Amino acid sequence: QVQLVESGGGLVQPGGSLRLSCAASGFSISMSFMSWYRQAPGNKRELVAAISSAGATTNYAGSVKGRFTISRDNAKNTVYLQLNSLKPEDTAVYYCHEDSHFGSWGQGTQVTVSS
């Protein structure tokens, strides 16, 4: 059974950092492009960052470029999203997505940026 499980969210002050993890099971991520999306209340889900199967290519939404970093460890079957210099507008549920074969979503992890 293909499954993605996100973790690492929480409450952080503006300017703070978090590291999100997406642990995959039921398949190997080594052949998959992977992405992180986010959805704030009342908004549609938006792409935050994407990474190629070997990690050589990454892409970011303009609003997070220079602050967020996507990475992966294929040996651990895990994808990461490092969130730095967080802003209140980064508050959302963050989702992991498998792009290449299954189109699977995780359940999401809440990130709240507030003083």
N, C-alpha and C. Protein backbone atom coordinates (compact mmCIF):
# COMPACT_ATOMS: atom_id res chain seq x y z
N GLN A 1 0.84 -1.19 0.00
CA GLN A 1 0.00 0.00 0.00
C GLN A 1 0.88 1.24 0.00
N VAL A 2 0.66 2.10 -0.98
CA VAL A 2 1.42 3.33 -1.09
C VAL A 2 0.96 4.31 -0.02
N GLN A 3 1.90 4.84 0.73
CA GLN A 3 1.56 5.76 1.79
C GLN A 3 2.63 6.82 1.95
N LEU A 4 2.19 8.05 2.22
CA LEU A 4 3.08 9.17 2.53
C LEU A 4 2.65 9.73 3.87
N VAL A 5 3.61 9.92 4.76
CA VAL A 5 3.31 10.44 6.09
C VAL A 5 4.19 11.64 6.38
N GLU A 6 3.55 12.80 6.52
CA GLU A 6 4.29 14.03 6.83
C GLU A 6 4.41 14.21 8.34
N SER A 7 5.46 14.88 8.73
CA SER A 7 5.68 15.22 10.14
C SER A 7 6.56 16.45 10.23
N GLY A 8 6.65 17.03 11.44
CA GLY A 8 7.56 18.14 11.66
C GLY A 8 6.90 19.51 11.75
N GLY A 9 5.61 19.57 11.51
CA GLY A 9 4.92 20.84 11.61
C GLY A 9 4.79 21.30 13.05
N GLY A 10 4.30 22.53 13.22
CA GLY A 10 4.11 23.05 14.56
C GLY A 10 3.88 24.55 14.54
N LEU A 11 3.95 25.13 15.74
CA LEU A 11 3.79 26.57 15.93
C LEU A 11 5.17 27.19 16.06
N VAL A 12 5.44 28.21 15.28
CA VAL A 12 6.75 28.87 15.30
C VAL A 12 6.54 30.36 15.16
N GLN A 13 7.46 31.14 15.75
CA GLN A 13 7.39 32.58 15.64
C GLN A 13 7.91 33.05 14.29
N PRO A 14 7.46 34.21 13.84
CA PRO A 14 8.01 34.76 12.59
C PRO A 14 9.53 34.83 12.65
N GLY A 15 10.15 34.45 11.55
CA GLY A 15 11.60 34.39 11.49
C GLY A 15 12.17 33.05 11.89
N GLY A 16 11.34 32.17 12.41
CA GLY A 16 11.80 30.87 12.87
C GLY A 16 11.93 29.86 11.75
N SER A 17 12.27 28.63 12.13
CA SER A 17 12.52 27.57 11.17
C SER A 17 11.83 26.29 11.59
N LEU A 18 11.52 25.48 10.61
CA LEU A 18 11.00 24.14 10.81
C LEU A 18 11.57 23.24 9.73
N ARG A 19 11.62 21.95 10.03
CA ARG A 19 11.99 20.96 9.02
C ARG A 19 10.88 19.94 8.93
N LEU A 20 10.26 19.86 7.76
CA LEU A 20 9.21 18.89 7.52
C LEU A 20 9.80 17.64 6.89
N SER A 21 9.23 16.49 7.24
CA SER A 21 9.63 15.21 6.66
C SER A 21 8.44 14.53 6.03
N CYS A 22 8.69 13.80 4.98
CA CYS A 22 7.67 13.00 4.31
C CYS A 22 8.24 11.60 4.14
N ALA A 23 7.76 10.67 4.95
CA ALA A 23 8.23 9.29 4.90
C ALA A 23 7.31 8.47 4.01
N ALA A 24 7.89 7.82 3.01
CA ALA A 24 7.12 7.01 2.07
C ALA A 24 7.22 5.54 2.44
N SER A 25 6.15 4.81 2.17
CA SER A 25 6.15 3.36 2.35
C SER A 25 5.32 2.74 1.24
N GLY A 26 5.59 1.47 0.96
CA GLY A 26 4.86 0.77 -0.07
C GLY A 26 5.44 0.94 -1.46
N PHE A 27 6.44 1.79 -1.61
CA PHE A 27 7.12 1.98 -2.87
C PHE A 27 8.44 2.68 -2.58
N SER A 28 9.33 2.66 -3.57
CA SER A 28 10.60 3.36 -3.45
C SER A 28 10.50 4.71 -4.13
N ILE A 29 10.89 5.76 -3.41
CA ILE A 29 10.80 7.10 -4.01
C ILE A 29 11.92 7.35 -5.01
N SER A 30 12.88 6.45 -5.13
CA SER A 30 14.07 6.71 -5.94
C SER A 30 13.74 6.93 -7.42
N MET A 31 12.57 6.45 -7.88
CA MET A 31 12.17 6.64 -9.27
C MET A 31 11.09 7.71 -9.41
N SER A 32 10.84 8.45 -8.37
CA SER A 32 9.73 9.40 -8.37
C SER A 32 10.19 10.84 -8.19
N PHE A 33 9.60 11.74 -9.00
CA PHE A 33 9.65 13.14 -8.66
C PHE A 33 8.71 13.33 -7.47
N MET A 34 9.11 14.21 -6.56
CA MET A 34 8.31 14.46 -5.36
C MET A 34 8.11 15.96 -5.18
N SER A 35 6.99 16.31 -4.54
CA SER A 35 6.68 17.72 -4.35
C SER A 35 6.11 17.97 -2.96
N TRP A 36 6.20 19.22 -2.55
CA TRP A 36 5.49 19.72 -1.37
C TRP A 36 4.49 20.78 -1.84
N TYR A 37 3.27 20.67 -1.32
CA TYR A 37 2.23 21.65 -1.55
C TYR A 37 1.79 22.21 -0.20
N ARG A 38 1.05 23.29 -0.24
CA ARG A 38 0.45 23.81 0.98
C ARG A 38 -0.94 24.38 0.68
N GLN A 39 -1.77 24.38 1.71
CA GLN A 39 -3.11 24.92 1.57
C GLN A 39 -3.49 25.67 2.84
N ALA A 40 -3.73 26.97 2.67
CA ALA A 40 -4.20 27.80 3.77
C ALA A 40 -5.72 27.84 3.75
N PRO A 41 -6.34 28.12 4.88
CA PRO A 41 -7.81 28.17 4.94
C PRO A 41 -8.37 29.14 3.90
N GLY A 42 -9.33 28.66 3.14
CA GLY A 42 -9.98 29.49 2.13
C GLY A 42 -9.23 29.60 0.83
N ASN A 43 -8.05 29.01 0.78
CA ASN A 43 -7.23 29.07 -0.44
C ASN A 43 -7.14 27.70 -1.11
N LYS A 44 -6.81 27.71 -2.39
CA LYS A 44 -6.58 26.44 -3.07
C LYS A 44 -5.18 25.93 -2.74
N ARG A 45 -4.99 24.65 -2.92
CA ARG A 45 -3.69 24.04 -2.67
C ARG A 45 -2.69 24.55 -3.71
N GLU A 46 -1.50 24.92 -3.25
CA GLU A 46 -0.51 25.48 -4.15
C GLU A 46 0.82 24.73 -4.04
N LEU A 47 1.52 24.65 -5.16
CA LEU A 47 2.83 24.00 -5.20
C LEU A 47 3.85 24.90 -4.50
N VAL A 48 4.63 24.30 -3.59
CA VAL A 48 5.66 25.02 -2.88
C VAL A 48 7.05 24.70 -3.46
N ALA A 49 7.33 23.40 -3.63
CA ALA A 49 8.65 23.00 -4.10
C ALA A 49 8.56 21.61 -4.70
N ALA A 50 9.46 21.32 -5.63
CA ALA A 50 9.51 20.01 -6.28
C ALA A 50 10.95 19.61 -6.47
N ILE A 51 11.18 18.28 -6.52
CA ILE A 51 12.54 17.77 -6.65
C ILE A 51 12.52 16.56 -7.57
N SER A 52 13.53 16.46 -8.43
CA SER A 52 13.63 15.33 -9.34
C SER A 52 14.04 14.07 -8.59
N SER A 53 13.97 12.94 -9.30
CA SER A 53 14.14 11.65 -8.63
C SER A 53 15.52 11.48 -7.99
N ALA A 54 16.55 12.02 -8.62
CA ALA A 54 17.90 11.91 -8.06
C ALA A 54 18.29 13.14 -7.25
N GLY A 55 17.40 14.12 -7.22
CA GLY A 55 17.66 15.32 -6.45
C GLY A 55 18.47 16.38 -7.17
N ALA A 56 18.74 16.17 -8.46
CA ALA A 56 19.60 17.10 -9.18
C ALA A 56 18.89 18.40 -9.54
N THR A 57 17.57 18.34 -9.65
CA THR A 57 16.79 19.50 -10.07
C THR A 57 15.73 19.81 -9.03
N THR A 58 15.65 21.09 -8.66
CA THR A 58 14.61 21.54 -7.74
C THR A 58 13.93 22.78 -8.30
N ASN A 59 12.68 22.98 -7.92
CA ASN A 59 11.93 24.16 -8.32
C ASN A 59 11.14 24.67 -7.12
N TYR A 60 10.97 25.99 -7.06
CA TYR A 60 10.30 26.61 -5.93
C TYR A 60 9.29 27.65 -6.40
N ALA A 61 8.24 27.80 -5.61
CA ALA A 61 7.34 28.92 -5.81
C ALA A 61 8.09 30.21 -5.50
N GLY A 62 7.74 31.26 -6.20
CA GLY A 62 8.44 32.52 -6.01
C GLY A 62 8.37 33.03 -4.58
N SER A 63 7.25 32.73 -3.91
CA SER A 63 7.04 33.25 -2.56
C SER A 63 7.95 32.60 -1.52
N VAL A 64 8.55 31.45 -1.85
CA VAL A 64 9.38 30.75 -0.87
C VAL A 64 10.84 30.62 -1.32
N LYS A 65 11.13 31.03 -2.53
CA LYS A 65 12.49 30.88 -3.06
C LYS A 65 13.48 31.64 -2.19
N GLY A 66 14.56 30.97 -1.84
CA GLY A 66 15.56 31.57 -0.97
C GLY A 66 15.32 31.36 0.50
N ARG A 67 14.11 30.88 0.86
CA ARG A 67 13.79 30.63 2.26
C ARG A 67 13.56 29.15 2.54
N PHE A 68 13.00 28.43 1.58
CA PHE A 68 12.70 27.01 1.75
C PHE A 68 13.67 26.19 0.90
N THR A 69 13.97 24.99 1.38
CA THR A 69 14.83 24.07 0.64
C THR A 69 14.24 22.67 0.66
N ILE A 70 14.03 22.11 -0.53
CA ILE A 70 13.55 20.73 -0.64
C ILE A 70 14.76 19.82 -0.84
N SER A 71 14.72 18.66 -0.21
CA SER A 71 15.80 17.69 -0.37
C SER A 71 15.22 16.29 -0.21
N ARG A 72 16.03 15.30 -0.47
CA ARG A 72 15.56 13.93 -0.36
C ARG A 72 16.69 13.01 0.04
N ASP A 73 16.34 11.93 0.70
CA ASP A 73 17.26 10.86 1.03
C ASP A 73 16.62 9.57 0.53
N ASN A 74 17.00 9.14 -0.65
CA ASN A 74 16.36 7.96 -1.25
C ASN A 74 16.63 6.70 -0.43
N ALA A 75 17.76 6.64 0.23
CA ALA A 75 18.07 5.47 1.06
C ALA A 75 17.11 5.36 2.24
N LYS A 76 16.65 6.51 2.74
CA LYS A 76 15.69 6.53 3.85
C LYS A 76 14.25 6.64 3.36
N ASN A 77 14.09 6.70 2.02
CA ASN A 77 12.75 6.82 1.43
C ASN A 77 11.97 8.01 1.98
N THR A 78 12.68 9.13 2.13
CA THR A 78 12.13 10.30 2.78
C THR A 78 12.48 11.57 2.01
N VAL A 79 11.51 12.48 1.96
CA VAL A 79 11.69 13.79 1.37
C VAL A 79 11.56 14.83 2.48
N TYR A 80 12.32 15.90 2.37
CA TYR A 80 12.33 16.93 3.40
C TYR A 80 12.00 18.30 2.82
N LEU A 81 11.51 19.17 3.68
CA LEU A 81 11.34 20.58 3.32
C LEU A 81 11.81 21.41 4.51
N GLN A 82 12.93 22.11 4.32
CA GLN A 82 13.45 23.02 5.33
C GLN A 82 12.83 24.38 5.14
N LEU A 83 12.19 24.87 6.18
CA LEU A 83 11.51 26.16 6.13
C LEU A 83 12.26 27.15 7.02
N ASN A 84 12.84 28.17 6.43
CA ASN A 84 13.56 29.20 7.17
C ASN A 84 12.90 30.55 6.98
N SER A 85 13.22 31.48 7.87
CA SER A 85 12.69 32.85 7.79
C SER A 85 11.18 32.84 7.59
N LEU A 86 10.52 32.07 8.41
CA LEU A 86 9.07 31.89 8.24
C LEU A 86 8.30 33.17 8.49
N LYS A 87 7.22 33.31 7.72
CA LYS A 87 6.34 34.48 7.79
C LYS A 87 4.94 34.03 8.14
N PRO A 88 4.11 34.91 8.69
CA PRO A 88 2.73 34.51 8.99
C PRO A 88 1.99 33.98 7.76
N GLU A 89 2.30 34.50 6.61
CA GLU A 89 1.63 34.03 5.39
C GLU A 89 2.05 32.63 4.95
N ASP A 90 3.04 32.05 5.63
CA ASP A 90 3.42 30.66 5.37
C ASP A 90 2.52 29.68 6.14
N THR A 91 1.66 30.20 6.99
CA THR A 91 0.75 29.34 7.75
C THR A 91 -0.17 28.57 6.81
N ALA A 92 -0.15 27.25 6.95
CA ALA A 92 -0.92 26.37 6.06
C ALA A 92 -0.74 24.93 6.51
N VAL A 93 -1.52 24.05 5.92
CA VAL A 93 -1.25 22.62 6.00
C VAL A 93 -0.34 22.27 4.83
N TYR A 94 0.75 21.61 5.13
CA TYR A 94 1.74 21.25 4.11
C TYR A 94 1.59 19.76 3.77
N TYR A 95 1.54 19.49 2.47
CA TYR A 95 1.30 18.14 1.98
C TYR A 95 2.46 17.68 1.10
N CYS A 96 2.75 16.40 1.20
CA CYS A 96 3.72 15.76 0.33
C CYS A 96 2.97 15.07 -0.81
N HIS A 97 3.57 15.04 -2.00
CA HIS A 97 2.91 14.45 -3.17
C HIS A 97 3.90 13.66 -4.00
N GLU A 98 3.49 12.48 -4.44
CA GLU A 98 4.28 11.67 -5.36
C GLU A 98 3.83 12.02 -6.77
N ASP A 99 4.74 12.49 -7.60
CA ASP A 99 4.37 13.07 -8.89
C ASP A 99 4.40 12.09 -10.07
N SER A 100 5.16 11.02 -9.96
CA SER A 100 5.50 10.27 -11.17
C SER A 100 4.60 9.08 -11.49
N HIS A 101 4.17 8.33 -10.50
CA HIS A 101 3.50 7.05 -10.77
C HIS A 101 2.14 6.90 -10.09
N PHE A 102 1.99 7.44 -8.89
CA PHE A 102 0.81 7.15 -8.09
C PHE A 102 -0.08 8.37 -7.83
N GLY A 103 0.50 9.54 -7.83
CA GLY A 103 -0.28 10.74 -7.51
C GLY A 103 -0.79 10.74 -6.09
N SER A 104 -0.04 10.09 -5.20
CA SER A 104 -0.50 9.96 -3.82
C SER A 104 -0.22 11.22 -3.01
N TRP A 105 -1.09 11.45 -2.03
CA TRP A 105 -0.96 12.56 -1.09
C TRP A 105 -0.79 12.02 0.32
N GLY A 106 -0.08 12.76 1.13
CA GLY A 106 -0.06 12.48 2.55
C GLY A 106 -1.24 13.15 3.22
N GLN A 107 -1.32 12.99 4.55
CA GLN A 107 -2.43 13.56 5.30
C GLN A 107 -2.20 15.02 5.67
N GLY A 108 -0.96 15.48 5.52
CA GLY A 108 -0.64 16.87 5.79
C GLY A 108 -0.12 17.10 7.19
N THR A 109 0.64 18.18 7.34
CA THR A 109 1.13 18.60 8.65
C THR A 109 0.95 20.11 8.77
N GLN A 110 0.41 20.54 9.91
CA GLN A 110 0.06 21.95 10.09
C GLN A 110 1.29 22.76 10.47
N VAL A 111 1.49 23.87 9.76
CA VAL A 111 2.51 24.85 10.10
C VAL A 111 1.81 26.16 10.42
N THR A 112 2.04 26.67 11.62
CA THR A 112 1.45 27.92 12.04
C THR A 112 2.56 28.88 12.44
N VAL A 113 2.58 30.05 11.79
CA VAL A 113 3.60 31.06 12.07
C VAL A 113 2.90 32.24 12.72
N SER A 114 3.19 32.44 14.00
CA SER A 114 2.50 33.48 14.76
C SER A 114 3.31 33.87 15.98
N SER A 115 3.22 35.14 16.34
CA SER A 115 3.89 35.59 17.55
C SER A 115 2.93 35.53 18.74
